[in-house]
Protein backbone atom coordinates (compact mmCIF):
# COMPACT_ATOMS: atom_id res chain seq x y z
CA UNK A 1 39.04 13.85 57.73
CA UNK A 2 40.85 12.10 54.84
CA UNK A 3 41.01 8.88 56.72
CA UNK A 4 37.28 9.09 57.53
CA UNK A 5 36.39 9.74 53.86
CA UNK A 6 38.64 6.77 52.78
CA UNK A 7 37.06 4.52 55.39
CA UNK A 8 33.57 5.52 54.23
CA UNK A 9 34.45 4.85 50.64
CA UNK A 10 35.78 1.37 51.44
CA UNK A 11 32.73 0.71 53.54
CA UNK A 12 30.42 1.60 50.60
CA UNK A 13 32.49 -0.59 48.27
CA UNK A 14 32.17 -3.49 50.67
CA UNK A 15 28.45 -2.97 51.05
CA UNK A 16 27.80 -2.66 47.33
CA UNK A 17 29.86 -5.65 46.38
CA UNK A 18 28.39 -7.88 49.23
CA UNK A 19 24.89 -6.70 48.48
CA UNK A 20 25.20 -7.67 44.73
CA UNK A 21 26.61 -11.17 45.67
CA UNK A 22 23.87 -11.83 48.12
CA UNK A 23 21.35 -10.81 45.41
CA UNK A 24 23.02 -13.37 43.00
CA UNK A 25 23.19 -16.06 45.72
CA UNK A 26 19.41 -15.70 46.50
CA UNK A 27 18.69 -16.30 42.82
CA UNK A 28 21.09 -19.32 42.66
CA UNK A 29 21.50 -20.82 46.10
CA UNK A 30 22.94 -24.03 44.82
CA UNK A 31 25.91 -22.42 43.17
CA UNK A 32 28.90 -23.39 45.36
CA UNK A 33 31.38 -20.97 43.70
CA UNK A 34 28.96 -18.06 44.27
CA UNK A 35 28.37 -19.07 47.79
CA UNK A 36 32.15 -19.18 48.49
CA UNK A 37 32.80 -15.73 47.02
CA UNK A 38 29.80 -14.34 48.96
CA UNK A 39 31.20 -15.77 52.20
CA UNK A 40 34.64 -14.33 51.36
CA UNK A 41 33.23 -10.91 51.01
CA UNK A 42 31.08 -11.30 54.15
CA UNK A 43 34.15 -12.18 56.07
CA UNK A 44 36.09 -9.27 54.65
CA UNK A 45 33.20 -6.88 55.43
CA UNK A 46 32.86 -8.17 59.03
CA UNK A 47 36.61 -7.79 59.55
CA UNK A 48 36.47 -4.18 58.29
CA UNK A 49 33.38 -3.29 60.36
CA UNK A 50 34.43 -4.95 63.59
CA UNK A 51 37.81 -3.10 63.41
CA UNK A 52 36.03 0.29 63.76
CA UNK A 53 36.43 1.80 67.27
CA UNK A 54 32.88 1.35 68.60
CA UNK A 55 32.78 -2.30 67.76
CA UNK A 56 36.46 -2.98 68.76
CA UNK A 57 35.72 -1.45 72.12
CA UNK A 58 32.70 -3.61 72.66
CA UNK A 59 34.83 -6.79 71.76
CA UNK A 60 37.80 -5.59 73.99
CA UNK A 61 35.34 -5.16 76.99
CA UNK A 62 34.02 -8.76 76.42
CA UNK A 63 37.20 -10.65 75.60
CA UNK A 64 40.18 -8.58 76.72
CA UNK A 65 42.69 -6.29 75.15
CA UNK A 66 43.76 -8.72 72.42
CA UNK A 67 40.28 -9.89 71.48
CA UNK A 68 39.74 -7.17 68.69
CA UNK A 69 42.89 -8.17 67.03
CA UNK A 70 42.18 -11.93 67.22
CA UNK A 71 38.56 -11.49 65.86
CA UNK A 72 39.73 -9.29 63.01
CA UNK A 73 42.59 -11.71 62.02
CA UNK A 74 40.32 -14.74 62.28
CA UNK A 75 37.82 -13.12 59.89
CA UNK A 76 40.76 -12.20 57.46
CA UNK A 77 41.96 -15.76 57.47
CA UNK A 78 38.34 -16.95 56.75
CA UNK A 79 38.17 -14.47 53.78
CA UNK A 80 41.30 -16.10 52.37
CA UNK A 81 39.92 -19.49 52.88
CA UNK A 82 36.64 -18.81 51.07
CA UNK A 83 38.51 -17.05 48.32
CA UNK A 84 40.44 -20.32 47.83
CA UNK A 85 37.30 -22.35 47.99
CA UNK A 86 35.84 -20.27 45.22
CA UNK A 87 38.52 -21.37 42.88
CA UNK A 88 38.33 -25.07 44.07
CA UNK A 89 34.57 -25.14 43.33
CA UNK A 90 35.21 -23.47 39.93
CA UNK A 91 38.13 -25.68 38.77
CA UNK A 92 37.91 -29.09 40.46
CA UNK A 93 35.37 -31.93 40.03
CA UNK A 94 32.99 -32.62 42.79
CA UNK A 95 34.93 -35.34 44.67
CA UNK A 96 38.31 -33.51 44.41
CA UNK A 97 36.95 -30.10 45.38
CA UNK A 98 35.28 -31.63 48.53
CA UNK A 99 38.62 -33.36 49.49
CA UNK A 100 40.62 -30.15 48.89
CA UNK A 101 38.06 -27.99 50.75
CA UNK A 102 38.24 -30.33 53.82
CA UNK A 103 42.09 -30.25 53.55
CA UNK A 104 42.14 -26.42 53.42
CA UNK A 105 39.51 -26.20 56.18
CA UNK A 106 41.78 -28.26 58.50
CA UNK A 107 44.62 -25.95 57.77
CA UNK A 108 42.45 -22.96 58.49
CA UNK A 109 41.40 -24.56 61.82
CA UNK A 110 45.07 -25.20 62.79
CA UNK A 111 45.91 -21.54 61.95
CA UNK A 112 42.92 -20.24 63.79
CA UNK A 113 43.71 -22.39 66.98
CA UNK A 114 47.23 -21.01 66.80
CA UNK A 115 46.06 -17.48 66.80
CA UNK A 116 43.82 -18.23 69.78
CA UNK A 117 46.63 -19.90 71.69
CA UNK A 118 49.12 -17.12 71.07
CA UNK A 119 46.52 -14.45 72.16
CA UNK A 120 45.88 -16.37 75.35
CA UNK A 121 49.62 -16.81 75.97
CA UNK A 122 50.17 -13.04 75.59
CA UNK A 123 47.61 -12.62 78.40
CA UNK A 124 47.67 -9.59 80.60
CA UNK A 125 50.96 -8.34 79.10
CA UNK A 126 49.22 -7.80 75.75
CA UNK A 127 48.10 -4.13 75.46
CA UNK A 128 46.03 -4.99 72.34
CA UNK A 129 48.02 -2.73 69.95
CA UNK A 130 48.05 -3.30 66.23
CA UNK A 131 51.04 -4.46 64.24
CA UNK A 132 52.81 -1.15 64.31
CA UNK A 133 52.42 -0.70 68.04
CA UNK A 134 52.73 -4.26 69.31
CA UNK A 135 55.93 -5.30 71.14
CA UNK A 136 57.01 -8.14 68.84
CA UNK A 137 59.83 -9.21 71.20
CA UNK A 138 57.10 -11.07 73.02
CA UNK A 139 57.36 -14.60 71.50
CA UNK A 140 53.49 -14.96 71.65
CA UNK A 141 52.83 -11.87 69.77
CA UNK A 142 55.41 -12.41 67.05
CA UNK A 143 54.09 -15.97 66.70
CA UNK A 144 50.54 -14.64 66.37
CA UNK A 145 51.53 -12.30 63.38
CA UNK A 146 53.84 -14.88 61.77
CA UNK A 147 51.05 -17.54 61.68
CA UNK A 148 48.57 -15.11 60.36
CA UNK A 149 50.91 -13.74 57.63
CA UNK A 150 52.20 -17.05 56.55
CA UNK A 151 48.72 -18.49 56.11
CA UNK A 152 47.63 -15.57 54.14
CA UNK A 153 50.80 -15.65 52.03
CA UNK A 154 49.91 -19.24 51.20
CA UNK A 155 46.24 -18.81 50.36
CA UNK A 156 46.68 -15.49 48.62
CA UNK A 157 49.49 -16.83 46.44
CA UNK A 158 47.33 -19.84 45.41
CA UNK A 159 44.39 -17.56 44.64
CA UNK A 160 46.72 -15.17 42.66
CA UNK A 161 47.94 -18.05 40.48
CA UNK A 162 44.37 -19.20 39.69
CA UNK A 163 43.05 -15.62 39.13
CA UNK A 164 45.81 -14.95 36.58
CA UNK A 165 45.10 -18.30 34.85
CA UNK A 166 41.36 -17.52 34.61
CA UNK A 167 42.03 -13.96 33.46
CA UNK A 168 44.32 -15.08 30.62
CA UNK A 169 41.53 -17.40 29.47
CA UNK A 170 38.62 -15.02 29.77
CA UNK A 171 37.03 -12.32 27.57
CA UNK A 172 36.16 -8.82 28.67
CA UNK A 173 34.59 -7.62 30.94
CA UNK A 174 35.27 -10.84 33.10
CA UNK A 175 39.01 -10.68 32.16
CA UNK A 176 39.18 -6.99 33.26
CA UNK A 177 37.55 -7.71 36.58
CA UNK A 178 39.80 -10.77 37.19
CA UNK A 179 43.00 -8.72 36.47
CA UNK A 180 41.82 -6.01 38.90
CA UNK A 181 41.16 -8.73 41.49
CA UNK A 182 44.52 -10.27 40.73
CA UNK A 183 46.23 -6.94 41.40
CA UNK A 184 44.44 -6.74 44.68
CA UNK A 185 45.20 -10.25 45.75
CA UNK A 186 48.78 -9.86 44.73
CA UNK A 187 49.15 -6.56 46.73
CA UNK A 188 47.69 -8.28 49.79
CA UNK A 189 50.13 -11.17 49.47
CA UNK A 190 52.96 -8.73 49.14
CA UNK A 191 51.87 -6.73 52.21
CA UNK A 192 51.64 -10.02 54.20
CA UNK A 193 55.24 -11.03 53.08
CA UNK A 194 56.57 -7.52 54.02
CA UNK A 195 54.85 -7.80 57.44
CA UNK A 196 56.26 -11.30 58.04
CA UNK A 197 59.89 -10.10 57.45
CA UNK A 198 59.29 -6.99 59.54
CA UNK A 199 57.95 -9.18 62.41
CA UNK A 200 61.10 -11.38 62.35
CA UNK A 201 63.35 -8.17 62.23
CA UNK A 202 61.52 -6.61 65.21
CA UNK A 203 61.55 -9.93 67.09
CA UNK A 204 65.37 -9.93 66.82
CA UNK A 205 65.44 -6.40 68.16
CA UNK A 206 66.00 -4.65 64.88
CA UNK A 207 64.64 -1.20 64.26
CA UNK A 208 62.18 -0.82 61.44
CA UNK A 209 61.62 2.69 60.04
CA UNK A 210 58.09 4.02 60.56
CA UNK A 211 57.54 4.78 56.77
CA UNK A 212 58.21 0.94 55.93
CA UNK A 213 55.56 -0.18 58.42
CA UNK A 214 53.16 2.49 57.27
CA UNK A 215 53.82 1.61 53.64
CA UNK A 216 52.77 -2.05 54.24
CA UNK A 217 49.66 -0.86 55.88
CA UNK A 218 48.90 1.55 52.98
CA UNK A 219 49.19 -1.43 50.49
CA UNK A 220 46.42 -3.18 52.36
CA UNK A 221 44.28 -0.13 52.37
CA UNK A 222 44.52 0.19 48.55
CA UNK A 223 44.45 -3.57 47.82
CA UNK A 224 41.19 -4.38 49.52
CA UNK A 225 39.03 -1.97 47.45
CA UNK A 226 40.91 -3.01 44.33
CA UNK A 227 39.93 -6.60 44.95
CA UNK A 228 36.38 -5.70 45.66
CA UNK A 229 36.11 -3.63 42.54
CA UNK A 230 37.58 -6.48 40.55
CA UNK A 231 35.06 -9.00 41.92
CA UNK A 232 32.23 -6.58 41.17
CA UNK A 233 33.31 -5.27 37.81
CA UNK A 234 31.94 -8.02 35.60
CA UNK A 235 28.47 -7.73 37.18
CA UNK A 236 28.56 -3.87 37.06
CA UNK A 237 29.66 -3.90 33.40
CA UNK A 238 26.96 -6.36 32.48
CA UNK A 239 24.30 -4.17 34.22
CA UNK A 240 25.59 -1.03 32.47
CA UNK A 241 25.38 -2.80 29.11
CA UNK A 242 21.86 -3.99 29.95
CA UNK A 243 20.90 -0.48 30.78
CA UNK A 244 22.39 0.91 27.65
CA UNK A 245 20.46 -1.64 25.61
CA UNK A 246 17.28 -0.88 27.51
CA UNK A 247 17.78 2.91 26.68
CA UNK A 248 18.43 2.07 23.07
CA UNK A 249 15.33 -0.06 22.76
CA UNK A 250 13.16 2.62 24.37
CA UNK A 251 14.46 5.19 22.04
CA UNK A 252 13.83 3.07 18.94
CA UNK A 253 10.39 2.12 20.26
CA UNK A 254 9.32 5.74 20.28
CA UNK A 255 11.02 6.46 16.89
CA UNK A 256 8.95 3.70 15.35
CA UNK A 257 5.77 5.27 16.63
CA UNK A 258 4.71 7.32 13.54
CA UNK A 259 5.08 4.28 11.24
CA UNK A 260 3.29 1.95 13.73
CA UNK A 261 0.45 4.34 14.29
CA UNK A 262 -0.13 4.70 10.44
CA UNK A 263 -0.12 0.97 9.95
CA UNK A 264 -2.12 0.13 13.15
CA UNK A 265 -4.91 2.47 12.10
CA UNK A 266 -5.55 0.38 8.93
CA UNK A 267 -4.54 -3.06 10.28
CA UNK A 268 -5.58 -3.12 13.95
CA UNK A 269 -5.92 -6.90 13.82
CA UNK A 270 -2.16 -7.27 13.44
CA UNK A 271 -1.50 -6.17 17.03
CA UNK A 272 0.19 -8.87 19.13
CA UNK A 273 -1.30 -7.71 22.43
CA UNK A 274 -4.99 -8.42 21.91
CA UNK A 275 -4.91 -10.04 25.49
CA UNK A 276 -3.62 -6.99 27.35
CA UNK A 277 -1.18 -7.51 30.05
CA UNK A 278 -1.23 -5.42 33.24
CA UNK A 279 0.07 -1.98 31.94
CA UNK A 280 1.89 -0.67 34.96
CA UNK A 281 3.39 -4.17 35.78
CA UNK A 282 4.60 -4.52 32.11
CA UNK A 283 6.21 -1.01 32.37
CA UNK A 284 7.98 -1.81 35.64
CA UNK A 285 9.22 -5.25 34.61
CA UNK A 286 12.92 -5.18 33.56
CA UNK A 287 11.99 -6.99 30.29
CA UNK A 288 8.90 -4.77 29.49
CA UNK A 289 10.95 -2.32 27.31
CA UNK A 290 12.36 -5.18 25.29
CA UNK A 291 9.04 -6.85 24.89
CA UNK A 292 7.38 -3.72 23.62
CA UNK A 293 10.27 -3.02 21.32
CA UNK A 294 10.22 -6.35 19.54
CA UNK A 295 6.45 -6.31 19.46
CA UNK A 296 6.49 -3.02 17.66
CA UNK A 297 9.08 -4.05 15.21
CA UNK A 298 7.18 -7.29 14.32
CA UNK A 299 3.89 -5.35 13.99
CA UNK A 300 5.56 -2.63 11.71
CA UNK A 301 7.07 -5.37 9.46
CA UNK A 302 3.75 -7.25 9.31
CA UNK A 303 1.91 -4.17 8.36
CA UNK A 304 4.54 -3.41 5.54
CA UNK A 305 4.11 -6.93 4.26
CA UNK A 306 0.35 -6.53 3.98
CA UNK A 307 0.55 -3.05 2.25
CA UNK A 308 3.59 -3.89 0.08
CA UNK A 309 1.69 -5.08 -3.04
CA UNK A 310 0.37 -1.45 -3.37
CA UNK A 311 3.85 0.08 -3.18
CA UNK A 312 6.55 0.49 -5.81
CA UNK A 313 9.87 0.50 -3.96
CA UNK A 314 13.03 1.86 -5.48
CA UNK A 315 14.82 -0.68 -7.57
CA UNK A 316 18.21 0.08 -5.98
CA UNK A 317 19.84 2.73 -3.80
CA UNK A 318 22.28 4.09 -6.38
CA UNK A 319 20.09 6.88 -7.86
CA UNK A 320 18.85 7.99 -4.46
CA UNK A 321 20.33 8.17 -1.04
CA UNK A 322 18.68 6.46 1.97
CA UNK A 323 16.78 9.67 3.09
CA UNK A 324 15.34 10.22 -0.36
CA UNK A 325 14.26 6.56 -0.73
CA UNK A 326 12.61 6.70 2.72
CA UNK A 327 10.78 9.89 1.86
CA UNK A 328 9.58 8.49 -1.42
CA UNK A 329 8.46 5.28 0.27
CA UNK A 330 6.60 7.34 3.02
CA UNK A 331 4.67 9.19 0.29
CA UNK A 332 3.70 6.00 -1.35
CA UNK A 333 2.79 4.45 2.01
CA UNK A 334 0.59 7.31 2.92
CA UNK A 335 -1.20 7.25 -0.45
CA UNK A 336 -1.76 3.56 -0.31
CA UNK A 337 -3.12 3.50 3.16
CA UNK A 338 -5.57 6.31 2.42
CA UNK A 339 -6.62 5.30 -1.02
CA UNK A 340 -9.74 3.38 -0.09
CA UNK A 341 -10.34 -0.23 -1.30
CA UNK A 342 -7.20 -2.15 -2.25
CA UNK A 343 -8.74 -5.30 -3.65
CA UNK A 344 -7.35 -4.67 -7.17
CA UNK A 345 -3.70 -4.93 -5.96
CA UNK A 346 -1.64 -8.11 -6.73
CA UNK A 347 -1.67 -10.74 -3.97
CA UNK A 348 2.05 -11.27 -3.81
CA UNK A 349 3.97 -9.23 -1.25
CA UNK A 350 7.05 -7.36 -2.39
CA UNK A 351 10.25 -6.31 -0.50
CA UNK A 352 9.84 -2.93 1.20
CA UNK A 353 12.52 -1.17 3.38
CA UNK A 354 14.41 -4.48 3.45
CA UNK A 355 18.07 -4.46 4.50
CA UNK A 356 20.95 -5.95 2.39
CA UNK A 357 21.77 -8.47 5.14
CA UNK A 358 19.70 -10.90 7.23
CA UNK A 359 20.32 -8.93 10.41
CA UNK A 360 17.67 -7.81 12.91
CA UNK A 361 19.73 -4.60 13.61
CA UNK A 362 19.79 -3.71 9.87
CA UNK A 363 16.05 -4.45 9.54
CA UNK A 364 15.25 -2.15 12.52
CA UNK A 365 17.41 0.62 11.03
CA UNK A 366 15.42 0.38 7.75
CA UNK A 367 12.11 0.65 9.72
CA UNK A 368 13.34 3.49 11.70
CA UNK A 369 14.46 5.45 8.57
CA UNK A 370 10.95 4.98 7.15
CA UNK A 371 9.37 5.95 10.37
CA UNK A 372 11.38 9.12 10.56
CA UNK A 373 10.31 9.80 6.89
CA UNK A 374 6.68 9.35 7.97
CA UNK A 375 7.23 11.79 10.84
CA UNK A 376 8.79 14.41 8.55
CA UNK A 377 5.87 13.96 6.00
CA UNK A 378 3.25 14.45 8.77
CA UNK A 379 5.08 17.43 10.16
CA UNK A 380 5.25 19.03 6.68
CA UNK A 381 1.67 18.33 6.04
CA UNK A 382 0.66 19.89 9.32
CA UNK A 383 2.63 23.14 8.49
CA UNK A 384 1.08 23.24 5.04
CA UNK A 385 -2.45 22.84 6.58
CA UNK A 386 -1.69 25.66 9.06
CA UNK A 387 -0.49 27.96 6.25
CA UNK A 388 -3.70 27.25 4.17
CA UNK A 389 -5.90 27.95 7.19
CA UNK A 390 -4.17 31.28 7.81
CA UNK A 391 -4.64 32.23 4.16
CA UNK A 392 -8.30 31.32 4.34
C-alpha cells in the first residue's frame, strides 16, 4: 500500500512538472534550453511509466525478457543527455553548443548501442530481473549495468557542477529550485556510483548485503521527485506570487469602491472604460483584475484632483493620526461633492491624500484609507437616518 501511494505521488509530480514545461514550450517553441529540459522530463516520465507492471509485461512479450530493462535504461540515459543539453544551450554560444551537443549525442549513441548489444548477448539466459535480482556473474549483464552507470555518473556529475554554479549566481526563487535540483542530481549520481561498485563486487563473486542494495534503490526513489520539485519550484513560486498579487489587487479594488462611486457619480466623464470591453471575457482574463485595479486607482486620483480646489487638507500629520485625517477629508469630500455649483473655487489643484514618497503602493494606501473613511461615514449616516426614522 505504501509503495503504491509513493508511486502515485511520484507519478503526479512527473505529470505536473512535465505538463508545466510543455505549456511553457508551446508558448516559446524556439527556446532550445526549455525544449531540452522538457525532453529530459519526458524521458524520465516515460521511463517511470514503462517500468510499471502492465507496460513492462507488454514490452517483455514483444522484445523478450530483457527488453523492459533495456527500454527503461535507454530512457534514463536519454534523460541525462537532455539534462546536459539544457546546460549546454544555457551556457555556451550557438556554435559551441551545437558542437558539444553532437559530441554528447555520439557518446549517448555509443552507450545505447552497448546496452543493446549486452542485452542481446545475455540472450535466453537473461531472466529479465532488475539490478537486485540479476546474476551479475554473467559478463553481459555486468557490462550492461556498468555501461549505464558510468554514463550516468559522467553526465550527472557534469550537470551537478553546472547546477551548483547557476544556483550560487542566482536569486530566489530560482536559486532555491536549483539547489533542490542539485540535491536530486547529486543523489542520483551517488546512487549510480554505489551501483557501479556493487556490480563489480558481485561480478567478482562477492556478497552484497541486501540493505545496501535496497539503500541505493531508495536513494533513486527520493532523488527523482526531489529533482522534479527543484525543476518546477521557480515556476510554482512565480505562480503563487502572481496569485497573491491578484488577490491583493482584487481586495484593494473592492476597498476603493466607496470612494470611486462617490467621485464617479459627480465626474462620470473621467471613466477610462467609455468603450466597454466584453465584461465576462475581461473577468476571465488573467490580467483583468490588474487592469480593473489600475483603472480604479487612476480614476480615483483623477477625481480627487478635480475636486481638490474645494478641499482644505490637513497641513501635516502631527496633530492628527492617519485615521482622523482620513475621516476629516471624507467629511470635506462629501460636503464638496454635494454642495451644488463649484465655479467659485480656485482653479489650481491642491495635494489631497498624497503620500510622502513617489511610490504607487504608498499612493494606493492613501486612497484606500480615504475610501475606508468614506465607507465609515456612509455607514454612520445610514445608522443615523435609521434612528431618525424610528423616532419619527
